[in-house]
Amino acid sequence: MDNQWTSQELKAYILLFAAHANFMEDKKELDFIKKRVGEHNLDHIHDEFDADNDYQRIQKIKAAIERFEYSKDEIDNLFTDIKALFIVDGKFDILEENLFRGLKHILY
């Protein structure tokens, strides 16, 4: 499952994963992701994301984080963006909370 994503593509993939916490993509969330990673990176990674199942998504995220050798501070910054993504629609629901906790368990 090795991929050759750039760090911006990884960020796009992780943010898309987070946006799907409640099983739908909100326009505000997609706009937020575009602002963070650029439209090209989002468009490029979106097709791959859609083709993957949750297990594949988690494995790809873990492998890419390891490949980039993200520090704790870099992972903290990712979680800052994820939390901002979750509240862009004005609410932080239970599904988003659960995914947030699960990702923390996986990535730290």
Protein backbone atom coordinates (compact mmCIF):
# COMPACT_ATOMS: atom_id res chain seq x y z
CA MET A 1 0.00 0.00 0.00
CA ASP A 2 2.93 2.29 -0.51
CA ASN A 3 2.04 5.56 -2.14
CA GLN A 4 4.11 8.50 -3.22
CA TRP A 5 1.87 11.29 -1.99
CA THR A 6 3.21 14.73 -1.31
CA SER A 7 2.64 16.08 2.19
CA GLN A 8 -0.21 18.23 0.83
CA GLU A 9 -1.85 15.18 -0.76
CA LEU A 10 -1.56 13.33 2.55
CA LYS A 11 -3.18 16.26 4.31
CA ALA A 12 -5.97 16.30 1.70
CA TYR A 13 -6.53 12.56 2.19
CA ILE A 14 -6.62 12.86 6.00
CA LEU A 15 -9.00 15.83 5.88
CA LEU A 16 -11.28 13.96 3.45
CA PHE A 17 -11.21 11.00 5.82
CA ALA A 18 -12.21 13.31 8.66
CA ALA A 19 -14.92 14.97 6.57
CA HIS A 20 -16.47 11.54 6.06
CA ALA A 21 -16.84 10.96 9.82
CA ASN A 22 -20.58 11.50 9.47
CA PHE A 23 -20.72 9.66 6.11
CA MET A 24 -21.18 12.76 3.95
CA GLU A 25 -19.17 15.57 2.45
CA ASP A 26 -20.42 19.01 3.34
CA LYS A 27 -19.70 21.85 0.89
CA LYS A 28 -18.25 23.94 3.73
CA GLU A 29 -15.91 21.08 4.61
CA LEU A 30 -14.75 20.68 1.00
CA ASP A 31 -14.17 24.42 0.73
CA PHE A 32 -12.16 24.27 3.98
CA ILE A 33 -10.02 21.42 2.58
CA LYS A 34 -9.44 23.31 -0.69
CA LYS A 35 -8.21 26.32 1.27
CA ARG A 36 -5.77 24.15 3.25
CA VAL A 37 -4.33 22.03 0.42
CA GLY A 38 -5.31 23.65 -2.87
CA GLU A 39 -7.92 22.62 -5.39
CA HIS A 40 -5.50 20.56 -7.49
CA ASN A 41 -4.38 18.44 -4.52
CA LEU A 42 -7.97 17.89 -3.42
CA ASP A 43 -9.18 16.95 -6.89
CA HIS A 44 -6.20 14.69 -7.49
CA ILE A 45 -6.58 12.76 -4.23
CA HIS A 46 -10.40 12.64 -4.14
CA ASP A 47 -10.72 9.88 -6.78
CA GLU A 48 -8.24 7.68 -4.92
CA PHE A 49 -10.04 8.35 -1.63
CA ASP A 50 -13.40 7.39 -3.14
CA ALA A 51 -11.97 4.12 -4.49
CA ASP A 52 -10.62 3.06 -1.07
CA ASN A 53 -12.49 1.45 1.81
CA ASP A 54 -11.99 2.53 5.43
CA TYR A 55 -9.38 -0.14 6.14
CA GLN A 56 -7.33 0.90 3.10
CA ARG A 57 -7.68 4.56 4.07
CA ILE A 58 -6.34 3.98 7.57
CA GLN A 59 -3.46 1.84 6.30
CA LYS A 60 -2.50 4.47 3.72
CA ILE A 61 -2.63 7.26 6.30
CA LYS A 62 -0.49 5.31 8.77
CA ALA A 63 2.06 4.37 6.11
CA ALA A 64 2.35 7.93 4.81
CA ILE A 65 2.73 9.41 8.30
CA GLU A 66 5.55 6.94 8.94
CA ARG A 67 7.16 7.62 5.54
CA PHE A 68 7.20 11.36 6.19
CA GLU A 69 8.42 10.72 9.76
CA TYR A 70 5.99 13.28 11.16
CA SER A 71 6.98 14.71 14.50
CA LYS A 72 4.53 15.08 17.37
CA ASP A 73 4.24 18.80 16.53
CA GLU A 74 3.41 18.04 12.89
CA ILE A 75 0.75 15.55 13.98
CA ASP A 76 -0.58 18.13 16.47
CA ASN A 77 -0.90 20.59 13.56
CA LEU A 78 -2.86 18.00 11.58
CA PHE A 79 -5.24 17.58 14.50
CA THR A 80 -5.68 21.35 14.73
CA ASP A 81 -6.81 21.33 11.09
CA ILE A 82 -9.05 18.31 11.65
CA LYS A 83 -10.76 19.97 14.62
CA ALA A 84 -11.21 23.19 12.60
CA LEU A 85 -12.72 21.10 9.79
CA PHE A 86 -15.17 19.50 12.20
CA ILE A 87 -16.45 22.83 13.49
CA VAL A 88 -16.63 24.60 10.11
CA ASP A 89 -20.32 23.63 9.88
CA GLY A 90 -20.99 24.91 13.41
CA LYS A 91 -21.17 21.58 15.22
CA PHE A 92 -18.83 18.86 16.48
CA ASP A 93 -21.06 15.78 16.56
CA ILE A 94 -20.52 12.40 18.20
CA LEU A 95 -19.36 10.71 14.98
CA GLU A 96 -16.73 13.41 14.49
CA GLU A 97 -15.65 13.11 18.13
CA ASN A 98 -15.26 9.34 17.76
CA LEU A 99 -13.22 9.65 14.57
CA PHE A 100 -11.06 12.34 16.19
CA ARG A 101 -10.29 10.02 19.12
CA GLY A 102 -9.70 7.07 16.81
CA LEU A 103 -7.25 8.99 14.65
CA LYS A 104 -5.38 10.17 17.72
CA HIS A 105 -5.04 6.55 18.83
CA ILE A 106 -3.75 5.53 15.39
CA LEU A 107 -1.36 8.41 14.71
CA TYR A 108 0.23 9.07 18.11
